[in-house]
Amino acid sequence: MLRPSRHARQRMVERSISYQEVEAVVAKPDVTFTDRKGNPCSVRMICERRIKVVVSKDDPSFVVTVIDLDT
């Protein structure tokens, strides 16, 4: 089970991204990479939007932030 940070929850609300969409991105990403801080990043196209989820390098169940790459 993923645990979004306060920041991630705020971004999810602002960007109309559901918890289920975040789970889907992490479970089956189209692209994965590591950011400059070493955190794993996952990107997936959902409903014609590219959603990026960043999780903590120390705890992969902790969601650092969620981004809609198309806005």
PDB file of N, CA and C in Angstrom:
ATOM      1  N   MET A   1       0.848  -1.184   0.000  1.00  0.00           N
ATOM      2  CA  MET A   1       0.000   0.000   0.000  1.00  0.00           C
ATOM      3  C   MET A   1       0.890   1.243   0.000  1.00  0.00           C
ATOM      4  N   LEU A   2       0.590   2.165  -0.879  1.00  0.00           N
ATOM      5  CA  LEU A   2       1.352   3.407  -0.979  1.00  0.00           C
ATOM      6  C   LEU A   2       0.895   4.409   0.070  1.00  0.00           C
ATOM      7  N   ARG A   3       1.841   5.202   0.562  1.00  0.00           N
ATOM      8  CA  ARG A   3       1.546   6.246   1.535  1.00  0.00           C
ATOM      9  C   ARG A   3       1.981   7.598   0.981  1.00  0.00           C
ATOM     10  N   PRO A   4       1.053   8.359   0.429  1.00  0.00           N
ATOM     11  CA  PRO A   4       1.418   9.678  -0.113  1.00  0.00           C
ATOM     12  C   PRO A   4       1.777  10.670   0.994  1.00  0.00           C
ATOM     13  N   SER A   5       2.822  11.441   0.756  1.00  0.00           N
ATOM     14  CA  SER A   5       3.180  12.534   1.664  1.00  0.00           C
ATOM     15  C   SER A   5       2.102  13.608   1.603  1.00  0.00           C
ATOM     16  N   ARG A   6       2.155  14.546   2.512  1.00  0.00           N
ATOM     17  CA  ARG A   6       1.206  15.660   2.487  1.00  0.00           C
ATOM     18  C   ARG A   6       1.327  16.415   1.165  1.00  0.00           C
ATOM     19  N   HIS A   7       2.568  16.630   0.748  1.00  0.00           N
ATOM     20  CA  HIS A   7       2.819  17.316  -0.526  1.00  0.00           C
ATOM     21  C   HIS A   7       2.188  16.544  -1.690  1.00  0.00           C
ATOM     22  N   ALA A   8       2.389  15.230  -1.721  1.00  0.00           N
ATOM     23  CA  ALA A   8       1.821  14.414  -2.801  1.00  0.00           C
ATOM     24  C   ALA A   8       0.296  14.476  -2.783  1.00  0.00           C
ATOM     25  N   ARG A   9      -0.296  14.405  -1.599  1.00  0.00           N
ATOM     26  CA  ARG A   9      -1.774  14.485  -1.502  1.00  0.00           C
ATOM     27  C   ARG A   9      -2.285  15.827  -2.025  1.00  0.00           C
ATOM     28  N   GLN A  10      -1.577  16.919  -1.689  1.00  0.00           N
ATOM     29  CA  GLN A  10      -1.971  18.243  -2.182  1.00  0.00           C
ATOM     30  C   GLN A  10      -1.893  18.290  -3.709  1.00  0.00           C
ATOM     31  N   ARG A  11      -0.822  17.760  -4.261  1.00  0.00           N
ATOM     32  CA  ARG A  11      -0.662  17.766  -5.719  1.00  0.00           C
ATOM     33  C   ARG A  11      -1.714  16.892  -6.397  1.00  0.00           C
ATOM     34  N   MET A  12      -2.066  15.774  -5.778  1.00  0.00           N
ATOM     35  CA  MET A  12      -3.102  14.902  -6.336  1.00  0.00           C
ATOM     36  C   MET A  12      -4.428  15.652  -6.426  1.00  0.00           C
ATOM     37  N   VAL A  13      -4.770  16.396  -5.387  1.00  0.00           N
ATOM     38  CA  VAL A  13      -6.019  17.174  -5.387  1.00  0.00           C
ATOM     39  C   VAL A  13      -5.939  18.274  -6.440  1.00  0.00           C
ATOM     40  N   GLU A  14      -4.843  19.047  -6.454  1.00  0.00           N
ATOM     41  CA  GLU A  14      -4.677  20.140  -7.406  1.00  0.00           C
ATOM     42  C   GLU A  14      -4.740  19.663  -8.851  1.00  0.00           C
ATOM     43  N   ARG A  15      -4.232  18.466  -9.098  1.00  0.00           N
ATOM     44  CA  ARG A  15      -4.105  17.960 -10.466  1.00  0.00           C
ATOM     45  C   ARG A  15      -5.151  16.909 -10.814  1.00  0.00           C
ATOM     46  N   SER A  16      -6.119  16.703  -9.918  1.00  0.00           N
ATOM     47  CA  SER A  16      -7.205  15.736 -10.133  1.00  0.00           C
ATOM     48  C   SER A  16      -6.665  14.350 -10.491  1.00  0.00           C
ATOM     49  N   ILE A  17      -5.722  13.879  -9.693  1.00  0.00           N
ATOM     50  CA  ILE A  17      -5.139  12.553  -9.861  1.00  0.00           C
ATOM     51  C   ILE A  17      -5.573  11.704  -8.674  1.00  0.00           C
ATOM     52  N   SER A  18      -6.196  10.581  -8.941  1.00  0.00           N
ATOM     53  CA  SER A  18      -6.719   9.740  -7.870  1.00  0.00           C
ATOM     54  C   SER A  18      -5.635   8.822  -7.297  1.00  0.00           C
ATOM     55  N   TYR A  19      -5.914   8.318  -6.120  1.00  0.00           N
ATOM     56  CA  TYR A  19      -5.008   7.351  -5.491  1.00  0.00           C
ATOM     57  C   TYR A  19      -4.881   6.109  -6.372  1.00  0.00           C
ATOM     58  N   GLN A  20      -5.975   5.690  -6.989  1.00  0.00           N
ATOM     59  CA  GLN A  20      -5.959   4.522  -7.867  1.00  0.00           C
ATOM     60  C   GLN A  20      -5.056   4.750  -9.075  1.00  0.00           C
ATOM     61  N   GLU A  21      -5.051   5.967  -9.599  1.00  0.00           N
ATOM     62  CA  GLU A  21      -4.165   6.281 -10.715  1.00  0.00           C
ATOM     63  C   GLU A  21      -2.701   6.235 -10.273  1.00  0.00           C
ATOM     64  N   VAL A  22      -2.417   6.740  -9.091  1.00  0.00           N
ATOM     65  CA  VAL A  22      -1.052   6.696  -8.562  1.00  0.00           C
ATOM     66  C   VAL A  22      -0.606   5.242  -8.404  1.00  0.00           C
ATOM     67  N   GLU A  23      -1.474   4.409  -7.847  1.00  0.00           N
ATOM     68  CA  GLU A  23      -1.158   2.984  -7.701  1.00  0.00           C
ATOM     69  C   GLU A  23      -0.878   2.342  -9.062  1.00  0.00           C
ATOM     70  N   ALA A  24      -1.694   2.680 -10.059  1.00  0.00           N
ATOM     71  CA  ALA A  24      -1.527   2.102 -11.394  1.00  0.00           C
ATOM     72  C   ALA A  24      -0.193   2.499 -12.016  1.00  0.00           C
ATOM     73  N   VAL A  25       0.211   3.736 -11.814  1.00  0.00           N
ATOM     74  CA  VAL A  25       1.490   4.210 -12.358  1.00  0.00           C
ATOM     75  C   VAL A  25       2.640   3.421 -11.739  1.00  0.00           C
ATOM     76  N   VAL A  26       2.611   3.261 -10.431  1.00  0.00           N
ATOM     77  CA  VAL A  26       3.696   2.563  -9.735  1.00  0.00           C
ATOM     78  C   VAL A  26       3.681   1.067 -10.065  1.00  0.00           C
ATOM     79  N   ALA A  27       2.489   0.493 -10.177  1.00  0.00           N
ATOM     80  CA  ALA A  27       2.374  -0.949 -10.425  1.00  0.00           C
ATOM     81  C   ALA A  27       2.818  -1.349 -11.827  1.00  0.00           C
ATOM     82  N   LYS A  28       2.512  -0.499 -12.813  1.00  0.00           N
ATOM     83  CA  LYS A  28       2.817  -0.862 -14.196  1.00  0.00           C
ATOM     84  C   LYS A  28       3.215   0.379 -14.998  1.00  0.00           C
ATOM     85  N   PRO A  29       4.407   0.897 -14.743  1.00  0.00           N
ATOM     86  CA  PRO A  29       4.840   2.119 -15.441  1.00  0.00           C
ATOM     87  C   PRO A  29       5.221   1.848 -16.889  1.00  0.00           C
ATOM     88  N   ASP A  30       5.091   2.885 -17.719  1.00  0.00           N
ATOM     89  CA  ASP A  30       5.589   2.829 -19.096  1.00  0.00           C
ATOM     90  C   ASP A  30       7.091   3.103 -19.120  1.00  0.00           C
ATOM     91  N   VAL A  31       7.531   3.975 -18.205  1.00  0.00           N
ATOM     92  CA  VAL A  31       8.940   4.388 -18.127  1.00  0.00           C
ATOM     93  C   VAL A  31       9.329   4.491 -16.659  1.00  0.00           C
ATOM     94  N   THR A  32      10.546   4.065 -16.342  1.00  0.00           N
ATOM     95  CA  THR A  32      11.087   4.270 -14.993  1.00  0.00           C
ATOM     96  C   THR A  32      12.484   4.861 -15.101  1.00  0.00           C
ATOM     97  N   PHE A  33      12.836   5.657 -14.117  1.00  0.00           N
ATOM     98  CA  PHE A  33      14.171   6.240 -14.045  1.00  0.00           C
ATOM     99  C   PHE A  33      14.397   6.719 -12.616  1.00  0.00           C
ATOM    100  N   THR A  34      15.585   7.193 -12.345  1.00  0.00           N
ATOM    101  CA  THR A  34      15.937   7.713 -11.029  1.00  0.00           C
ATOM    102  C   THR A  34      16.204   9.202 -11.151  1.00  0.00           C
ATOM    103  N   ASP A  35      15.643   9.987 -10.226  1.00  0.00           N
ATOM    104  CA  ASP A  35      15.892  11.426 -10.272  1.00  0.00           C
ATOM    105  C   ASP A  35      17.270  11.743  -9.705  1.00  0.00           C
ATOM    106  N   ARG A  36      17.645  13.003  -9.712  1.00  0.00           N
ATOM    107  CA  ARG A  36      19.014  13.375  -9.300  1.00  0.00           C
ATOM    108  C   ARG A  36      19.275  13.156  -7.810  1.00  0.00           C
ATOM    109  N   LYS A  37      18.197  12.965  -7.027  1.00  0.00           N
ATOM    110  CA  LYS A  37      18.358  12.663  -5.606  1.00  0.00           C
ATOM    111  C   LYS A  37      18.382  11.160  -5.340  1.00  0.00           C
ATOM    112  N   GLY A  38      18.220  10.371  -6.411  1.00  0.00           N
ATOM    113  CA  GLY A  38      18.235   8.926  -6.265  1.00  0.00           C
ATOM    114  C   GLY A  38      16.886   8.293  -6.029  1.00  0.00           C
ATOM    115  N   ASN A  39      15.824   9.095  -6.119  1.00  0.00           N
ATOM    116  CA  ASN A  39      14.474   8.573  -5.918  1.00  0.00           C
ATOM    117  C   ASN A  39      13.945   7.923  -7.190  1.00  0.00           C
ATOM    118  N   PRO A  40      13.333   6.736  -7.067  1.00  0.00           N
ATOM    119  CA  PRO A  40      12.735   6.090  -8.235  1.00  0.00           C
ATOM    120  C   PRO A  40      11.520   6.878  -8.747  1.00  0.00           C
ATOM    121  N   CYS A  41      11.439   7.029 -10.064  1.00  0.00           N
ATOM    122  CA  CYS A  41      10.332   7.737 -10.710  1.00  0.00           C
ATOM    123  C   CYS A  41       9.659   6.797 -11.703  1.00  0.00           C
ATOM    124  N   SER A  42       8.348   6.862 -11.746  1.00  0.00           N
ATOM    125  CA  SER A  42       7.577   6.061 -12.693  1.00  0.00           C
ATOM    126  C   SER A  42       6.654   6.983 -13.466  1.00  0.00           C
ATOM    127  N   VAL A  43       6.518   6.722 -14.771  1.00  0.00           N
ATOM    128  CA  VAL A  43       5.625   7.508 -15.623  1.00  0.00           C
ATOM    129  C   VAL A  43       4.732   6.538 -16.382  1.00  0.00           C
ATOM    130  N   ARG A  44       3.461   6.905 -16.479  1.00  0.00           N
ATOM    131  CA  ARG A  44       2.512   6.088 -17.233  1.00  0.00           C
ATOM    132  C   ARG A  44       1.445   6.991 -17.834  1.00  0.00           C
ATOM    133  N   MET A  45       1.001   6.622 -19.023  1.00  0.00           N
ATOM    134  CA  MET A  45      -0.093   7.324 -19.680  1.00  0.00           C
ATOM    135  C   MET A  45      -1.405   6.756 -19.145  1.00  0.00           C
ATOM    136  N   ILE A  46      -2.216   7.623 -18.552  1.00  0.00           N
ATOM    137  CA  ILE A  46      -3.528   7.233 -18.037  1.00  0.00           C
ATOM    138  C   ILE A  46      -4.530   8.280 -18.486  1.00  0.00           C
ATOM    139  N   CYS A  47      -5.564   7.835 -19.185  1.00  0.00           N
ATOM    140  CA  CYS A  47      -6.619   8.740 -19.671  1.00  0.00           C
ATOM    141  C   CYS A  47      -6.028   9.936 -20.419  1.00  0.00           C
ATOM    142  N   GLU A  48      -5.106   9.650 -21.315  1.00  0.00           N
ATOM    143  CA  GLU A  48      -4.476  10.658 -22.160  1.00  0.00           C
ATOM    144  C   GLU A  48      -3.662  11.697 -21.389  1.00  0.00           C
ATOM    145  N   ARG A  49      -3.227  11.342 -20.182  1.00  0.00           N
ATOM    146  CA  ARG A  49      -2.339  12.198 -19.384  1.00  0.00           C
ATOM    147  C   ARG A  49      -1.124  11.378 -18.980  1.00  0.00           C
ATOM    148  N   ARG A  50       0.058  11.993 -19.055  1.00  0.00           N
ATOM    149  CA  ARG A  50       1.265  11.336 -18.567  1.00  0.00           C
ATOM    150  C   ARG A  50       1.433  11.718 -17.102  1.00  0.00           C
ATOM    151  N   ILE A  51       1.321  10.718 -16.240  1.00  0.00           N
ATOM    152  CA  ILE A  51       1.422  10.949 -14.804  1.00  0.00           C
ATOM    153  C   ILE A  51       2.752  10.401 -14.310  1.00  0.00           C
ATOM    154  N   LYS A  52       3.455  11.234 -13.540  1.00  0.00           N
ATOM    155  CA  LYS A  52       4.750  10.852 -12.966  1.00  0.00           C
ATOM    156  C   LYS A  52       4.588  10.745 -11.453  1.00  0.00           C
ATOM    157  N   VAL A  53       5.085   9.644 -10.897  1.00  0.00           N
ATOM    158  CA  VAL A  53       5.058   9.425  -9.457  1.00  0.00           C
ATOM    159  C   VAL A  53       6.496   9.230  -8.986  1.00  0.00           C
ATOM    160  N   VAL A  54       6.871   9.987  -7.969  1.00  0.00           N
ATOM    161  CA  VAL A  54       8.205   9.881  -7.379  1.00  0.00           C
ATOM    162  C   VAL A  54       8.042   9.271  -5.992  1.00  0.00           C
ATOM    163  N   VAL A  55       8.775   8.180  -5.740  1.00  0.00           N
ATOM    164  CA  VAL A  55       8.752   7.554  -4.418  1.00  0.00           C
ATOM    165  C   VAL A  55      10.117   7.721  -3.756  1.00  0.00           C
ATOM    166  N   SER A  56      10.146   7.534  -2.463  1.00  0.00           N
ATOM    167  CA  SER A  56      11.381   7.695  -1.705  1.00  0.00           C
ATOM    168  C   SER A  56      12.355   6.563  -1.981  1.00  0.00           C
ATOM    169  N   LYS A  57      13.619   6.899  -2.134  1.00  0.00           N
ATOM    170  CA  LYS A  57      14.647   5.878  -2.345  1.00  0.00           C
ATOM    171  C   LYS A  57      14.801   4.996  -1.106  1.00  0.00           C
ATOM    172  N   ASP A  58      14.459   5.534   0.061  1.00  0.00           N
ATOM    173  CA  ASP A  58      14.591   4.789   1.311  1.00  0.00           C
ATOM    174  C   ASP A  58      13.347   3.977   1.670  1.00  0.00           C
ATOM    175  N   ASP A  59      12.206   4.346   1.085  1.00  0.00           N
ATOM    176  CA  ASP A  59      10.944   3.652   1.377  1.00  0.00           C
ATOM    177  C   ASP A  59      10.069   3.710   0.126  1.00  0.00           C
ATOM    178  N   PRO A  60      10.111   2.675  -0.723  1.00  0.00           N
ATOM    179  CA  PRO A  60       9.376   2.703  -1.987  1.00  0.00           C
ATOM    180  C   PRO A  60       7.859   2.739  -1.853  1.00  0.00           C
ATOM    181  N   SER A  61       7.330   2.638  -0.632  1.00  0.00           N
ATOM    182  CA  SER A  61       5.887   2.770  -0.456  1.00  0.00           C
ATOM    183  C   SER A  61       5.496   4.209  -0.126  1.00  0.00           C
ATOM    184  N   PHE A  62       6.491   5.087   0.088  1.00  0.00           N
ATOM    185  CA  PHE A  62       6.237   6.488   0.438  1.00  0.00           C
ATOM    186  C   PHE A  62       6.317   7.356  -0.820  1.00  0.00           C
ATOM    187  N   VAL A  63       5.193   7.941  -1.202  1.00  0.00           N
ATOM    188  CA  VAL A  63       5.105   8.771  -2.408  1.00  0.00           C
ATOM    189  C   VAL A  63       5.529  10.197  -2.058  1.00  0.00           C
ATOM    190  N   VAL A  64       6.579  10.670  -2.717  1.00  0.00           N
ATOM    191  CA  VAL A  64       7.112  12.008  -2.473  1.00  0.00           C
ATOM    192  C   VAL A  64       6.268  13.060  -3.180  1.00  0.00           C
ATOM    193  N   THR A  65       5.981  12.842  -4.470  1.00  0.00           N
ATOM    194  CA  THR A  65       5.166  13.790  -5.225  1.00  0.00           C
ATOM    195  C   THR A  65       4.526  13.093  -6.417  1.00  0.00           C
ATOM    196  N   VAL A  66       3.527  13.768  -6.966  1.00  0.00           N
ATOM    197  CA  VAL A  66       2.781  13.280  -8.126  1.00  0.00           C
ATOM    198  C   VAL A  66       2.657  14.446  -9.100  1.00  0.00           C
ATOM    199  N   ILE A  67       2.962  14.197 -10.384  1.00  0.00           N
ATOM    200  CA  ILE A  67       2.998  15.262 -11.376  1.00  0.00           C
ATOM    201  C   ILE A  67       2.224  14.858 -12.622  1.00  0.00           C
ATOM    202  N   ASP A  68       1.430  15.779 -13.138  1.00  0.00           N
ATOM    203  CA  ASP A  68       0.795  15.596 -14.452  1.00  0.00           C
ATOM    204  C   ASP A  68       1.729  16.271 -15.448  1.00  0.00           C
ATOM    205  N   LEU A  69       2.431  15.491 -16.238  1.00  0.00           N
ATOM    206  CA  LEU A  69       3.436  16.034 -17.153  1.00  0.00           C
ATOM    207  C   LEU A  69       2.843  16.791 -18.341  1.00  0.00           C
ATOM    208  N   ASP A  70       1.546  16.708 -18.513  1.00  0.00           N
ATOM    209  CA  ASP A  70       0.908  17.372 -19.645  1.00  0.00           C
ATOM    210  C   ASP A  70       0.269  18.708 -19.287  1.00  0.00           C
ATOM    211  N   THR A  71       0.464  19.173 -18.045  1.00  0.00           N
ATOM    212  CA  THR A  71      -0.090  20.485 -17.688  1.00  0.00           C
ATOM    213  C   THR A  71       1.007  21.398 -17.195  1.00  0.00           C
TER     214      THR A  71
END
